[in-house]
Amino acid sequence: YTPAYLYLLWLATLVDGIVSRVTLIKLISIVFDLLSAFFIYKITW
């Protein structure tokens, strides 16, 4: 992958141990699920 995504993985490592690593990796994508939902709200508005 490009550095852009890998930087997000690096940010996740800064809070390693708070939750499982699998969850931390998935939370990156879930944040963007929320961003998608936000813009769908804006578009439909």
PDB file of all heavy atoms in Angstrom:
ATOM      1  N   TYR A   1       0.818  -1.201   0.000  1.00  0.00           N
ATOM      2  CA  TYR A   1       0.000   0.000   0.000  1.00  0.00           C
ATOM      3  C   TYR A   1       0.862   1.264   0.000  1.00  0.00           C
ATOM      4  O   TYR A   1       2.044   1.238   0.329  1.00  0.00           O
ATOM      5  CB  TYR A   1      -0.919   0.013   1.219  1.00  0.00           C
ATOM      6  CG  TYR A   1      -2.118  -0.902   1.099  1.00  0.00           C
ATOM      7  CD1 TYR A   1      -2.192  -1.889   0.118  1.00  0.00           C
ATOM      8  CD2 TYR A   1      -3.188  -0.781   1.972  1.00  0.00           C
ATOM      9  CE1 TYR A   1      -3.286  -2.729   0.016  1.00  0.00           C
ATOM     10  CE2 TYR A   1      -4.296  -1.627   1.886  1.00  0.00           C
ATOM     11  CZ  TYR A   1      -4.332  -2.599   0.903  1.00  0.00           C
ATOM     12  OH  TYR A   1      -5.422  -3.425   0.815  1.00  0.00           O
ATOM     13  N   THR A   2       0.218   2.360  -0.336  1.00  0.00           N
ATOM     14  CA  THR A   2       0.906   3.650  -0.364  1.00  0.00           C
ATOM     15  C   THR A   2       1.165   4.139   1.056  1.00  0.00           C
ATOM     16  O   THR A   2       0.507   3.704   2.015  1.00  0.00           O
ATOM     17  CB  THR A   2       0.061   4.710  -1.095  1.00  0.00           C
ATOM     18  OG1 THR A   2      -1.171   4.881  -0.401  1.00  0.00           O
ATOM     19  CG2 THR A   2      -0.202   4.297  -2.534  1.00  0.00           C
ATOM     20  N   PRO A   3       2.101   5.083   1.222  1.00  0.00           N
ATOM     21  CA  PRO A   3       2.375   5.611   2.571  1.00  0.00           C
ATOM     22  C   PRO A   3       1.153   6.191   3.261  1.00  0.00           C
ATOM     23  O   PRO A   3       1.048   6.124   4.494  1.00  0.00           O
ATOM     24  CB  PRO A   3       3.422   6.693   2.306  1.00  0.00           C
ATOM     25  CG  PRO A   3       4.122   6.243   1.065  1.00  0.00           C
ATOM     26  CD  PRO A   3       3.052   5.604   0.229  1.00  0.00           C
ATOM     27  N   ALA A   4       0.215   6.758   2.501  1.00  0.00           N
ATOM     28  CA  ALA A   4      -0.951   7.402   3.108  1.00  0.00           C
ATOM     29  C   ALA A   4      -1.676   6.456   4.067  1.00  0.00           C
ATOM     30  O   ALA A   4      -1.990   6.825   5.204  1.00  0.00           O
ATOM     31  CB  ALA A   4      -1.909   7.892   2.022  1.00  0.00           C
ATOM     32  N   TYR A   5      -1.949   5.228   3.625  1.00  0.00           N
ATOM     33  CA  TYR A   5      -2.625   4.269   4.498  1.00  0.00           C
ATOM     34  C   TYR A   5      -1.699   3.781   5.610  1.00  0.00           C
ATOM     35  O   TYR A   5      -2.120   3.607   6.754  1.00  0.00           O
ATOM     36  CB  TYR A   5      -3.145   3.080   3.701  1.00  0.00           C
ATOM     37  CG  TYR A   5      -3.800   2.036   4.586  1.00  0.00           C
ATOM     38  CD1 TYR A   5      -5.071   2.260   5.113  1.00  0.00           C
ATOM     39  CD2 TYR A   5      -3.136   0.860   4.926  1.00  0.00           C
ATOM     40  CE1 TYR A   5      -5.673   1.334   5.958  1.00  0.00           C
ATOM     41  CE2 TYR A   5      -3.725  -0.070   5.772  1.00  0.00           C
ATOM     42  CZ  TYR A   5      -4.992   0.164   6.278  1.00  0.00           C
ATOM     43  OH  TYR A   5      -5.579  -0.750   7.128  1.00  0.00           O
ATOM     44  N   LEU A   6      -0.438   3.585   5.283  1.00  0.00           N
ATOM     45  CA  LEU A   6       0.504   3.072   6.274  1.00  0.00           C
ATOM     46  C   LEU A   6       0.710   4.064   7.417  1.00  0.00           C
ATOM     47  O   LEU A   6       0.981   3.660   8.551  1.00  0.00           O
ATOM     48  CB  LEU A   6       1.834   2.740   5.602  1.00  0.00           C
ATOM     49  CG  LEU A   6       1.747   1.662   4.507  1.00  0.00           C
ATOM     50  CD1 LEU A   6       3.105   1.463   3.859  1.00  0.00           C
ATOM     51  CD2 LEU A   6       1.228   0.349   5.073  1.00  0.00           C
ATOM     52  N   TYR A   7       0.568   5.365   7.124  1.00  0.00           N
ATOM     53  CA  TYR A   7       0.643   6.354   8.203  1.00  0.00           C
ATOM     54  C   TYR A   7      -0.492   6.136   9.204  1.00  0.00           C
ATOM     55  O   TYR A   7      -0.311   6.338  10.415  1.00  0.00           O
ATOM     56  CB  TYR A   7       0.552   7.783   7.650  1.00  0.00           C
ATOM     57  CG  TYR A   7       1.680   8.182   6.729  1.00  0.00           C
ATOM     58  CD1 TYR A   7       1.462   9.121   5.715  1.00  0.00           C
ATOM     59  CD2 TYR A   7       2.953   7.635   6.854  1.00  0.00           C
ATOM     60  CE1 TYR A   7       2.487   9.498   4.867  1.00  0.00           C
ATOM     61  CE2 TYR A   7       3.978   8.014   6.005  1.00  0.00           C
ATOM     62  CZ  TYR A   7       3.738   8.942   5.003  1.00  0.00           C
ATOM     63  OH  TYR A   7       4.760   9.312   4.157  1.00  0.00           O
ATOM     64  N   LEU A   8      -1.668   5.742   8.707  1.00  0.00           N
ATOM     65  CA  LEU A   8      -2.786   5.475   9.609  1.00  0.00           C
ATOM     66  C   LEU A   8      -2.491   4.258  10.478  1.00  0.00           C
ATOM     67  O   LEU A   8      -2.841   4.242  11.668  1.00  0.00           O
ATOM     68  CB  LEU A   8      -4.072   5.259   8.803  1.00  0.00           C
ATOM     69  CG  LEU A   8      -4.566   6.464   7.988  1.00  0.00           C
ATOM     70  CD1 LEU A   8      -5.859   6.119   7.268  1.00  0.00           C
ATOM     71  CD2 LEU A   8      -4.769   7.683   8.873  1.00  0.00           C
ATOM     72  N   LEU A   9      -1.851   3.244   9.895  1.00  0.00           N
ATOM     73  CA  LEU A   9      -1.427   2.095  10.697  1.00  0.00           C
ATOM     74  C   LEU A   9      -0.440   2.527  11.780  1.00  0.00           C
ATOM     75  O   LEU A   9      -0.504   2.054  12.918  1.00  0.00           O
ATOM     76  CB  LEU A   9      -0.784   1.027   9.808  1.00  0.00           C
ATOM     77  CG  LEU A   9      -1.694   0.088   9.026  1.00  0.00           C
ATOM     78  CD1 LEU A   9      -0.843  -0.950   8.294  1.00  0.00           C
ATOM     79  CD2 LEU A   9      -2.705  -0.606   9.919  1.00  0.00           C
ATOM     80  N   TRP A  10       0.473   3.423  11.412  1.00  0.00           N
ATOM     81  CA  TRP A  10       1.451   3.933  12.396  1.00  0.00           C
ATOM     82  C   TRP A  10       0.739   4.652  13.541  1.00  0.00           C
ATOM     83  O   TRP A  10       1.069   4.449  14.713  1.00  0.00           O
ATOM     84  CB  TRP A  10       2.439   4.869  11.711  1.00  0.00           C
ATOM     85  CG  TRP A  10       3.278   5.634  12.682  1.00  0.00           C
ATOM     86  CD1 TRP A  10       4.270   5.144  13.473  1.00  0.00           C
ATOM     87  CD2 TRP A  10       3.176   7.043  12.993  1.00  0.00           C
ATOM     88  NE1 TRP A  10       4.808   6.151  14.255  1.00  0.00           N
ATOM     89  CE2 TRP A  10       4.145   7.320  13.974  1.00  0.00           C
ATOM     90  CE3 TRP A  10       2.371   8.069  12.527  1.00  0.00           C
ATOM     91  CZ2 TRP A  10       4.319   8.599  14.501  1.00  0.00           C
ATOM     92  CZ3 TRP A  10       2.532   9.343  13.043  1.00  0.00           C
ATOM     93  CH2 TRP A  10       3.507   9.589  14.019  1.00  0.00           C
ATOM     94  N   LEU A  11      -0.260   5.462  13.219  1.00  0.00           N
ATOM     95  CA  LEU A  11      -1.022   6.149  14.261  1.00  0.00           C
ATOM     96  C   LEU A  11      -1.704   5.136  15.180  1.00  0.00           C
ATOM     97  O   LEU A  11      -1.773   5.341  16.400  1.00  0.00           O
ATOM     98  CB  LEU A  11      -2.066   7.075  13.630  1.00  0.00           C
ATOM     99  CG  LEU A  11      -1.529   8.342  12.960  1.00  0.00           C
ATOM    100  CD1 LEU A  11      -2.657   9.091  12.262  1.00  0.00           C
ATOM    101  CD2 LEU A  11      -0.836   9.250  13.975  1.00  0.00           C
ATOM    102  N   ALA A  12      -2.174   4.037  14.595  1.00  0.00           N
ATOM    103  CA  ALA A  12      -2.821   3.003  15.410  1.00  0.00           C
ATOM    104  C   ALA A  12      -1.825   2.362  16.373  1.00  0.00           C
ATOM    105  O   ALA A  12      -2.175   2.022  17.511  1.00  0.00           O
ATOM    106  CB  ALA A  12      -3.449   1.940  14.510  1.00  0.00           C
ATOM    107  N   THR A  13      -0.575   2.221  15.940  1.00  0.00           N
ATOM    108  CA  THR A  13       0.431   1.605  16.826  1.00  0.00           C
ATOM    109  C   THR A  13       0.712   2.461  18.054  1.00  0.00           C
ATOM    110  O   THR A  13       1.190   1.951  19.073  1.00  0.00           O
ATOM    111  CB  THR A  13       1.756   1.353  16.081  1.00  0.00           C
ATOM    112  OG1 THR A  13       2.360   2.616  15.710  1.00  0.00           O
ATOM    113  CG2 THR A  13       1.550   0.491  14.851  1.00  0.00           C
ATOM    114  N   LEU A  14       0.418   3.768  17.973  1.00  0.00           N
ATOM    115  CA  LEU A  14       0.684   4.658  19.106  1.00  0.00           C
ATOM    116  C   LEU A  14      -0.220   4.355  20.292  1.00  0.00           C
ATOM    117  O   LEU A  14       0.079   4.753  21.426  1.00  0.00           O
ATOM    118  CB  LEU A  14       0.508   6.118  18.675  1.00  0.00           C
ATOM    119  CG  LEU A  14       1.432   6.609  17.554  1.00  0.00           C
ATOM    120  CD1 LEU A  14       1.156   8.076  17.238  1.00  0.00           C
ATOM    121  CD2 LEU A  14       2.901   6.409  17.922  1.00  0.00           C
ATOM    122  N   VAL A  15      -1.349   3.679  20.021  1.00  0.00           N
ATOM    123  CA  VAL A  15      -2.259   3.313  21.115  1.00  0.00           C
ATOM    124  C   VAL A  15      -2.343   1.791  21.230  1.00  0.00           C
ATOM    125  O   VAL A  15      -3.342   1.251  21.723  1.00  0.00           O
ATOM    126  CB  VAL A  15      -3.660   3.937  20.903  1.00  0.00           C
ATOM    127  CG1 VAL A  15      -3.604   5.441  21.072  1.00  0.00           C
ATOM    128  CG2 VAL A  15      -4.227   3.575  19.532  1.00  0.00           C
ATOM    129  N   ASP A  16      -1.298   1.125  20.771  1.00  0.00           N
ATOM    130  CA  ASP A  16      -1.270  -0.339  20.838  1.00  0.00           C
ATOM    131  C   ASP A  16      -1.423  -0.812  22.282  1.00  0.00           C
ATOM    132  O   ASP A  16      -0.798  -0.263  23.194  1.00  0.00           O
ATOM    133  CB  ASP A  16       0.047  -0.861  20.275  1.00  0.00           C
ATOM    134  CG  ASP A  16       0.105  -2.383  20.231  1.00  0.00           C
ATOM    135  OD1 ASP A  16      -0.597  -2.952  19.388  1.00  0.00           O
ATOM    136  OD2 ASP A  16       0.836  -2.969  21.050  1.00  0.00           O
ATOM    137  N   GLY A  17      -2.268  -1.823  22.466  1.00  0.00           N
ATOM    138  CA  GLY A  17      -2.490  -2.370  23.801  1.00  0.00           C
ATOM    139  C   GLY A  17      -3.778  -1.928  24.440  1.00  0.00           C
ATOM    140  O   GLY A  17      -4.272  -2.579  25.368  1.00  0.00           O
ATOM    141  N   ILE A  18      -4.333  -0.815  23.974  1.00  0.00           N
ATOM    142  CA  ILE A  18      -5.612  -0.349  24.536  1.00  0.00           C
ATOM    143  C   ILE A  18      -6.722  -1.327  24.164  1.00  0.00           C
ATOM    144  O   ILE A  18      -7.558  -1.697  24.994  1.00  0.00           O
ATOM    145  CB  ILE A  18      -5.923   1.076  24.039  1.00  0.00           C
ATOM    146  CG1 ILE A  18      -4.884   2.058  24.586  1.00  0.00           C
ATOM    147  CG2 ILE A  18      -7.330   1.492  24.444  1.00  0.00           C
ATOM    148  CD1 ILE A  18      -5.083   3.474  24.135  1.00  0.00           C
ATOM    149  N   VAL A  19      -6.743  -1.710  22.887  1.00  0.00           N
ATOM    150  CA  VAL A  19      -7.626  -2.788  22.420  1.00  0.00           C
ATOM    151  C   VAL A  19      -6.760  -3.705  21.563  1.00  0.00           C
ATOM    152  O   VAL A  19      -5.580  -3.419  21.311  1.00  0.00           O
ATOM    153  CB  VAL A  19      -8.834  -2.251  21.610  1.00  0.00           C
ATOM    154  CG1 VAL A  19      -9.763  -1.442  22.497  1.00  0.00           C
ATOM    155  CG2 VAL A  19      -8.380  -1.425  20.419  1.00  0.00           C
ATOM    156  N   SER A  20      -7.323  -4.789  21.067  1.00  0.00           N
ATOM    157  CA  SER A  20      -6.546  -5.729  20.274  1.00  0.00           C
ATOM    158  C   SER A  20      -6.073  -5.088  18.976  1.00  0.00           C
ATOM    159  O   SER A  20      -6.691  -4.143  18.470  1.00  0.00           O
ATOM    160  CB  SER A  20      -7.373  -6.970  19.942  1.00  0.00           C
ATOM    161  OG  SER A  20      -8.362  -6.674  18.978  1.00  0.00           O
ATOM    162  N   ARG A  21      -4.989  -5.611  18.438  1.00  0.00           N
ATOM    163  CA  ARG A  21      -4.449  -5.067  17.187  1.00  0.00           C
ATOM    164  C   ARG A  21      -5.417  -5.245  16.024  1.00  0.00           C
ATOM    165  O   ARG A  21      -5.509  -4.382  15.149  1.00  0.00           O
ATOM    166  CB  ARG A  21      -3.105  -5.739  16.868  1.00  0.00           C
ATOM    167  CG  ARG A  21      -2.036  -5.426  17.894  1.00  0.00           C
ATOM    168  CD  ARG A  21      -0.712  -6.102  17.559  1.00  0.00           C
ATOM    169  NE  ARG A  21       0.263  -5.852  18.620  1.00  0.00           N
ATOM    170  CZ  ARG A  21       1.507  -6.291  18.607  1.00  0.00           C
ATOM    171  NH1 ARG A  21       1.933  -7.032  17.583  1.00  0.00           N
ATOM    172  NH2 ARG A  21       2.329  -6.020  19.605  1.00  0.00           N
ATOM    173  N   VAL A  22      -6.111  -6.354  15.999  1.00  0.00           N
ATOM    174  CA  VAL A  22      -7.098  -6.591  14.937  1.00  0.00           C
ATOM    175  C   VAL A  22      -8.161  -5.497  14.976  1.00  0.00           C
ATOM    176  O   VAL A  22      -8.535  -4.933  13.943  1.00  0.00           O
ATOM    177  CB  VAL A  22      -7.744  -7.982  15.096  1.00  0.00           C
ATOM    178  CG1 VAL A  22      -8.858  -8.173  14.075  1.00  0.00           C
ATOM    179  CG2 VAL A  22      -6.707  -9.085  14.949  1.00  0.00           C
ATOM    180  N   THR A  23      -8.624  -5.168  16.175  1.00  0.00           N
ATOM    181  CA  THR A  23      -9.641  -4.132  16.323  1.00  0.00           C
ATOM    182  C   THR A  23      -9.095  -2.767  15.919  1.00  0.00           C
ATOM    183  O   THR A  23      -9.777  -1.990  15.232  1.00  0.00           O
ATOM    184  CB  THR A  23     -10.149  -4.082  17.773  1.00  0.00           C
ATOM    185  OG1 THR A  23     -10.776  -5.324  18.088  1.00  0.00           O
ATOM    186  CG2 THR A  23     -11.144  -2.957  17.973  1.00  0.00           C
ATOM    187  N   LEU A  24      -7.873  -2.459  16.309  1.00  0.00           N
ATOM    188  CA  LEU A  24      -7.284  -1.165  15.948  1.00  0.00           C
ATOM    189  C   LEU A  24      -7.202  -0.994  14.438  1.00  0.00           C
ATOM    190  O   LEU A  24      -7.504   0.077  13.895  1.00  0.00           O
ATOM    191  CB  LEU A  24      -5.883  -1.044  16.559  1.00  0.00           C
ATOM    192  CG  LEU A  24      -5.809  -0.649  18.036  1.00  0.00           C
ATOM    193  CD1 LEU A  24      -4.370  -0.727  18.531  1.00  0.00           C
ATOM    194  CD2 LEU A  24      -6.377   0.747  18.262  1.00  0.00           C
ATOM    195  N   ILE A  25      -6.793  -2.050  13.737  1.00  0.00           N
ATOM    196  CA  ILE A  25      -6.691  -1.979  12.277  1.00  0.00           C
ATOM    197  C   ILE A  25      -8.068  -1.758  11.663  1.00  0.00           C
ATOM    198  O   ILE A  25      -8.241  -0.930  10.754  1.00  0.00           O
ATOM    199  CB  ILE A  25      -6.036  -3.257  11.720  1.00  0.00           C
ATOM    200  CG1 ILE A  25      -4.572  -3.341  12.164  1.00  0.00           C
ATOM    201  CG2 ILE A  25      -6.122  -3.295  10.197  1.00  0.00           C
ATOM    202  CD1 ILE A  25      -3.908  -4.676  11.866  1.00  0.00           C
ATOM    203  N   LYS A  26      -9.064  -2.478  12.165  1.00  0.00           N
ATOM    204  CA  LYS A  26     -10.409  -2.347  11.608  1.00  0.00           C
ATOM    205  C   LYS A  26     -11.041  -0.994  11.940  1.00  0.00           C
ATOM    206  O   LYS A  26     -11.839  -0.471  11.156  1.00  0.00           O
ATOM    207  CB  LYS A  26     -11.289  -3.489  12.120  1.00  0.00           C
ATOM    208  CG  LYS A  26     -10.906  -4.850  11.558  1.00  0.00           C
ATOM    209  CD  LYS A  26     -11.823  -5.948  12.074  1.00  0.00           C
ATOM    210  CE  LYS A  26     -11.479  -7.287  11.444  1.00  0.00           C
ATOM    211  NZ  LYS A  26     -12.371  -8.377  11.901  1.00  0.00           N
ATOM    212  N   LEU A  27     -10.679  -0.431  13.085  1.00  0.00           N
ATOM    213  CA  LEU A  27     -11.247   0.862  13.466  1.00  0.00           C
ATOM    214  C   LEU A  27     -10.875   1.965  12.486  1.00  0.00           C
ATOM    215  O   LEU A  27     -11.615   2.929  12.312  1.00  0.00           O
ATOM    216  CB  LEU A  27     -10.804   1.235  14.884  1.00  0.00           C
ATOM    217  CG  LEU A  27     -11.536   0.523  16.025  1.00  0.00           C
ATOM    218  CD1 LEU A  27     -10.910   0.881  17.371  1.00  0.00           C
ATOM    219  CD2 LEU A  27     -13.026   0.850  16.025  1.00  0.00           C
ATOM    220  N   ILE A  28      -9.708   1.820  11.846  1.00  0.00           N
ATOM    221  CA  ILE A  28      -9.318   2.809  10.825  1.00  0.00           C
ATOM    222  C   ILE A  28     -10.382   2.879   9.742  1.00  0.00           C
ATOM    223  O   ILE A  28     -10.856   3.957   9.373  1.00  0.00           O
ATOM    224  CB  ILE A  28      -7.949   2.442  10.212  1.00  0.00           C
ATOM    225  CG1 ILE A  28      -6.850   2.539  11.262  1.00  0.00           C
ATOM    226  CG2 ILE A  28      -7.639   3.333   9.010  1.00  0.00           C
ATOM    227  CD1 ILE A  28      -5.510   1.984  10.794  1.00  0.00           C
ATOM    228  N   SER A  29     -10.783   1.715   9.234  1.00  0.00           N
ATOM    229  CA  SER A  29     -11.788   1.675   8.168  1.00  0.00           C
ATOM    230  C   SER A  29     -13.161   2.086   8.671  1.00  0.00           C
ATOM    231  O   SER A  29     -13.925   2.735   7.945  1.00  0.00           O
ATOM    232  CB  SER A  29     -11.851   0.265   7.572  1.00  0.00           C
ATOM    233  OG  SER A  29     -10.608  -0.086   6.989  1.00  0.00           O
ATOM    234  N   ILE A  30     -13.487   1.726   9.914  1.00  0.00           N
ATOM    235  CA  ILE A  30     -14.801   2.081  10.464  1.00  0.00           C
ATOM    236  C   ILE A  30     -14.936   3.596  10.598  1.00  0.00           C
ATOM    237  O   ILE A  30     -16.030   4.149  10.389  1.00  0.00           O
ATOM    238  CB  ILE A  30     -15.018   1.372  11.813  1.00  0.00           C
ATOM    239  CG1 ILE A  30     -15.145  -0.140  11.582  1.00  0.00           C
ATOM    240  CG2 ILE A  30     -16.261   1.903  12.525  1.00  0.00           C
ATOM    241  CD1 ILE A  30     -15.172  -0.963  12.856  1.00  0.00           C
ATOM    242  N   VAL A  31     -13.859   4.276  10.933  1.00  0.00           N
ATOM    243  CA  VAL A  31     -13.891   5.749  10.977  1.00  0.00           C
ATOM    244  C   VAL A  31     -14.314   6.308   9.618  1.00  0.00           C
ATOM    245  O   VAL A  31     -15.104   7.261   9.534  1.00  0.00           O
ATOM    246  CB  VAL A  31     -12.514   6.318  11.396  1.00  0.00           C
ATOM    247  CG1 VAL A  31     -12.449   7.818  11.142  1.00  0.00           C
ATOM    248  CG2 VAL A  31     -12.246   6.017  12.868  1.00  0.00           C
ATOM    249  N   PHE A  32     -13.823   5.700   8.549  1.00  0.00           N
ATOM    250  CA  PHE A  32     -14.184   6.181   7.214  1.00  0.00           C
ATOM    251  C   PHE A  32     -15.578   5.707   6.799  1.00  0.00           C
ATOM    252  O   PHE A  32     -16.208   6.345   5.949  1.00  0.00           O
ATOM    253  CB  PHE A  32     -13.116   5.769   6.200  1.00  0.00           C
ATOM    254  CG  PHE A  32     -11.864   6.592   6.316  1.00  0.00           C
ATOM    255  CD1 PHE A  32     -10.818   6.192   7.126  1.00  0.00           C
ATOM    256  CD2 PHE A  32     -11.757   7.799   5.639  1.00  0.00           C
ATOM    257  CE1 PHE A  32      -9.676   6.970   7.252  1.00  0.00           C
ATOM    258  CE2 PHE A  32     -10.620   8.583   5.753  1.00  0.00           C
ATOM    259  CZ  PHE A  32      -9.573   8.169   6.563  1.00  0.00           C
ATOM    260  N   ASP A  33     -16.074   4.615   7.394  1.00  0.00           N
ATOM    261  CA  ASP A  33     -17.495   4.285   7.234  1.00  0.00           C
ATOM    262  C   ASP A  33     -18.347   5.441   7.737  1.00  0.00           C
ATOM    263  O   ASP A  33     -19.351   5.821   7.122  1.00  0.00           O
ATOM    264  CB  ASP A  33     -17.853   3.025   8.039  1.00  0.00           C
ATOM    265  CG  ASP A  33     -17.276   1.750   7.455  1.00  0.00           C
ATOM    266  OD1 ASP A  33     -16.817   1.766   6.300  1.00  0.00           O
ATOM    267  OD2 ASP A  33     -17.283   0.728   8.175  1.00  0.00           O
ATOM    268  N   LEU A  34     -17.937   5.974   8.880  1.00  0.00           N
ATOM    269  CA  LEU A  34     -18.668   7.111   9.465  1.00  0.00           C
ATOM    270  C   LEU A  34     -18.553   8.353   8.590  1.00  0.00           C
ATOM    271  O   LEU A  34     -19.521   9.100   8.421  1.00  0.00           O
ATOM    272  CB  LEU A  34     -18.137   7.402  10.867  1.00  0.00           C
ATOM    273  CG  LEU A  34     -18.453   6.349  11.932  1.00  0.00           C
ATOM    274  CD1 LEU A  34     -17.637   6.611  13.186  1.00  0.00           C
ATOM    275  CD2 LEU A  34     -19.944   6.349  12.262  1.00  0.00           C
ATOM    276  N   LEU A  35     -17.358   8.564   8.021  1.00  0.00           N
ATOM    277  CA  LEU A  35     -17.181   9.721   7.134  1.00  0.00           C
ATOM    278  C   LEU A  35     -18.052   9.578   5.889  1.00  0.00           C
ATOM    279  O   LEU A  35     -18.652  10.549   5.420  1.00  0.00           O
ATOM    280  CB  LEU A  35     -15.707   9.867   6.750  1.00  0.00           C
ATOM    281  CG  LEU A  35     -15.348  11.098   5.916  1.00  0.00           C
ATOM    282  CD1 LEU A  35     -15.660  12.382   6.676  1.00  0.00           C
ATOM    283  CD2 LEU A  35     -13.871  11.068   5.508  1.00  0.00           C
ATOM    284  N   SER A  36     -18.132   8.364   5.349  1.00  0.00           N
ATOM    285  CA  SER A  36     -19.019   8.111   4.202  1.00  0.00           C
ATOM    286  C   SER A  36     -20.461   8.429   4.577  1.00  0.00           C
ATOM    287  O   SER A  36     -21.187   9.087   3.811  1.00  0.00           O
ATOM    288  CB  SER A  36     -18.913   6.653   3.758  1.00  0.00           C
ATOM    289  OG  SER A  36     -17.657   6.368   3.201  1.00  0.00           O
ATOM    290  N   ALA A  37     -20.886   7.960   5.750  1.00  0.00           N
ATOM    291  CA  ALA A  37     -22.261   8.213   6.200  1.00  0.00           C
ATOM    292  C   ALA A  37     -22.517   9.708   6.347  1.00  0.00           C
ATOM    293  O   ALA A  37     -23.611  10.200   6.016  1.00  0.00           O
ATOM    294  CB  ALA A  37     -22.506   7.490   7.521  1.00  0.00           C
ATOM    295  N   PHE A  38     -21.517  10.441   6.819  1.00  0.00           N
ATOM    296  CA  PHE A  38     -21.656  11.890   6.969  1.00  0.00           C
ATOM    297  C   PHE A  38     -21.886  12.567   5.623  1.00  0.00           C
ATOM    298  O   PHE A  38     -22.795  13.403   5.483  1.00  0.00           O
ATOM    299  CB  PHE A  38     -20.400  12.467   7.636  1.00  0.00           C
ATOM    300  CG  PHE A  38     -20.330  13.972   7.605  1.00  0.00           C
ATOM    301  CD1 PHE A  38     -21.104  14.734   8.458  1.00  0.00           C
ATOM    302  CD2 PHE A  38     -19.483  14.624   6.714  1.00  0.00           C
ATOM    303  CE1 PHE A  38     -21.053  16.128   8.424  1.00  0.00           C
ATOM    304  CE2 PHE A  38     -19.423  16.013   6.671  1.00  0.00           C
ATOM    305  CZ  PHE A  38     -20.212  16.764   7.527  1.00  0.00           C
ATOM    306  N   PHE A  39     -21.093  12.201   4.620  1.00  0.00           N
ATOM    307  CA  PHE A  39     -21.256  12.850   3.312  1.00  0.00           C
ATOM    308  C   PHE A  39     -22.526  12.387   2.598  1.00  0.00           C
ATOM    309  O   PHE A  39     -23.113  13.155   1.831  1.00  0.00           O
ATOM    310  CB  PHE A  39     -20.017  12.628   2.444  1.00  0.00           C
ATOM    311  CG  PHE A  39     -18.924  13.615   2.748  1.00  0.00           C
ATOM    312  CD1 PHE A  39     -17.775  13.225   3.405  1.00  0.00           C
ATOM    313  CD2 PHE A  39     -19.063  14.948   2.395  1.00  0.00           C
ATOM    314  CE1 PHE A  39     -16.771  14.141   3.701  1.00  0.00           C
ATOM    315  CE2 PHE A  39     -18.072  15.881   2.687  1.00  0.00           C
ATOM    316  CZ  PHE A  39     -16.920  15.473   3.342  1.00  0.00           C
ATOM    317  N   ILE A  40     -22.968  11.172   2.865  1.00  0.00           N
ATOM    318  CA  ILE A  40     -24.259  10.755   2.320  1.00  0.00           C
ATOM    319  C   ILE A  40     -25.376  11.590   2.939  1.00  0.00           C
ATOM    320  O   ILE A  40     -26.336  11.978   2.251  1.00  0.00           O
ATOM    321  CB  ILE A  40     -24.475   9.244   2.545  1.00  0.00           C
ATOM    322  CG1 ILE A  40     -23.590   8.465   1.565  1.00  0.00           C
ATOM    323  CG2 ILE A  40     -25.938   8.851   2.378  1.00  0.00           C
ATOM    324  CD1 ILE A  40     -23.642   6.980   1.708  1.00  0.00           C
ATOM    325  N   TYR A  41     -25.252  11.883   4.215  1.00  0.00           N
ATOM    326  CA  TYR A  41     -26.207  12.781   4.866  1.00  0.00           C
ATOM    327  C   TYR A  41     -26.206  14.148   4.175  1.00  0.00           C
ATOM    328  O   TYR A  41     -27.262  14.702   3.849  1.00  0.00           O
ATOM    329  CB  TYR A  41     -25.853  12.934   6.340  1.00  0.00           C
ATOM    330  CG  TYR A  41     -26.776  13.864   7.103  1.00  0.00           C
ATOM    331  CD1 TYR A  41     -27.928  13.381   7.714  1.00  0.00           C
ATOM    332  CD2 TYR A  41     -26.491  15.228   7.204  1.00  0.00           C
ATOM    333  CE1 TYR A  41     -28.782  14.232   8.414  1.00  0.00           C
ATOM    334  CE2 TYR A  41     -27.337  16.087   7.886  1.00  0.00           C
ATOM    335  CZ  TYR A  41     -28.483  15.584   8.493  1.00  0.00           C
ATOM    336  OH  TYR A  41     -29.331  16.432   9.164  1.00  0.00           O
ATOM    337  N   LYS A  42     -24.996  14.686   3.954  1.00  0.00           N
ATOM    338  CA  LYS A  42     -24.880  16.012   3.325  1.00  0.00           C
ATOM    339  C   LYS A  42     -25.447  16.013   1.898  1.00  0.00           C
ATOM    340  O   LYS A  42     -26.113  16.968   1.489  1.00  0.00           O
ATOM    341  CB  LYS A  42     -23.410  16.435   3.300  1.00  0.00           C
ATOM    342  CG  LYS A  42     -22.785  16.616   4.670  1.00  0.00           C
ATOM    343  CD  LYS A  42     -23.208  17.907   5.323  1.00  0.00           C
ATOM    344  CE  LYS A  42     -22.532  19.109   4.702  1.00  0.00           C
ATOM    345  NZ  LYS A  42     -22.896  20.380   5.389  1.00  0.00           N
ATOM    346  N   ILE A  43     -25.157  14.950   1.155  1.00  0.00           N
ATOM    347  CA  ILE A  43     -25.639  14.864  -0.231  1.00  0.00           C
ATOM    348  C   ILE A  43     -27.157  14.762  -0.254  1.00  0.00           C
ATOM    349  O   ILE A  43     -27.829  15.472  -1.017  1.00  0.00           O
ATOM    350  CB  ILE A  43     -25.000  13.658  -0.948  1.00  0.00           C
ATOM    351  CG1 ILE A  43     -23.501  13.910  -1.193  1.00  0.00           C
ATOM    352  CG2 ILE A  43     -25.699  13.380  -2.278  1.00  0.00           C
ATOM    353  CD1 ILE A  43     -22.740  12.688  -1.646  1.00  0.00           C
ATOM    354  N   THR A  44     -27.714  13.881   0.576  1.00  0.00           N
ATOM    355  CA  THR A  44     -29.162  13.670   0.570  1.00  0.00           C
ATOM    356  C   THR A  44     -29.904  14.900   1.087  1.00  0.00           C
ATOM    357  O   THR A  44     -31.033  15.179   0.674  1.00  0.00           O
ATOM    358  CB  THR A  44     -29.517  12.435   1.425  1.00  0.00           C
ATOM    359  OG1 THR A  44     -28.637  11.358   1.101  1.00  0.00           O
ATOM    360  CG2 THR A  44     -30.934  11.985   1.150  1.00  0.00           C
ATOM    361  N   TRP A  45     -29.253  15.653   1.972  1.00  0.00           N
ATOM    362  CA  TRP A  45     -29.858  16.894   2.485  1.00  0.00           C
ATOM    363  C   TRP A  45     -30.134  17.883   1.354  1.00  0.00           C
ATOM    364  O   TRP A  45     -31.070  18.686   1.431  1.00  0.00           O
ATOM    365  CB  TRP A  45     -28.934  17.515   3.523  1.00  0.00           C
ATOM    366  CG  TRP A  45     -29.446  18.792   4.139  1.00  0.00           C
ATOM    367  CD1 TRP A  45     -29.256  20.066   3.678  1.00  0.00           C
ATOM    368  CD2 TRP A  45     -30.241  18.911   5.317  1.00  0.00           C
ATOM    369  NE1 TRP A  45     -29.868  20.977   4.501  1.00  0.00           N
ATOM    370  CE2 TRP A  45     -30.489  20.292   5.512  1.00  0.00           C
ATOM    371  CE3 TRP A  45     -30.764  17.995   6.224  1.00  0.00           C
ATOM    372  CZ2 TRP A  45     -31.233  20.762   6.584  1.00  0.00           C
ATOM    373  CZ3 TRP A  45     -31.508  18.469   7.293  1.00  0.00           C
ATOM    374  CH2 TRP A  45     -31.736  19.839   7.459  1.00  0.00           C
TER     375      TRP A  45
END
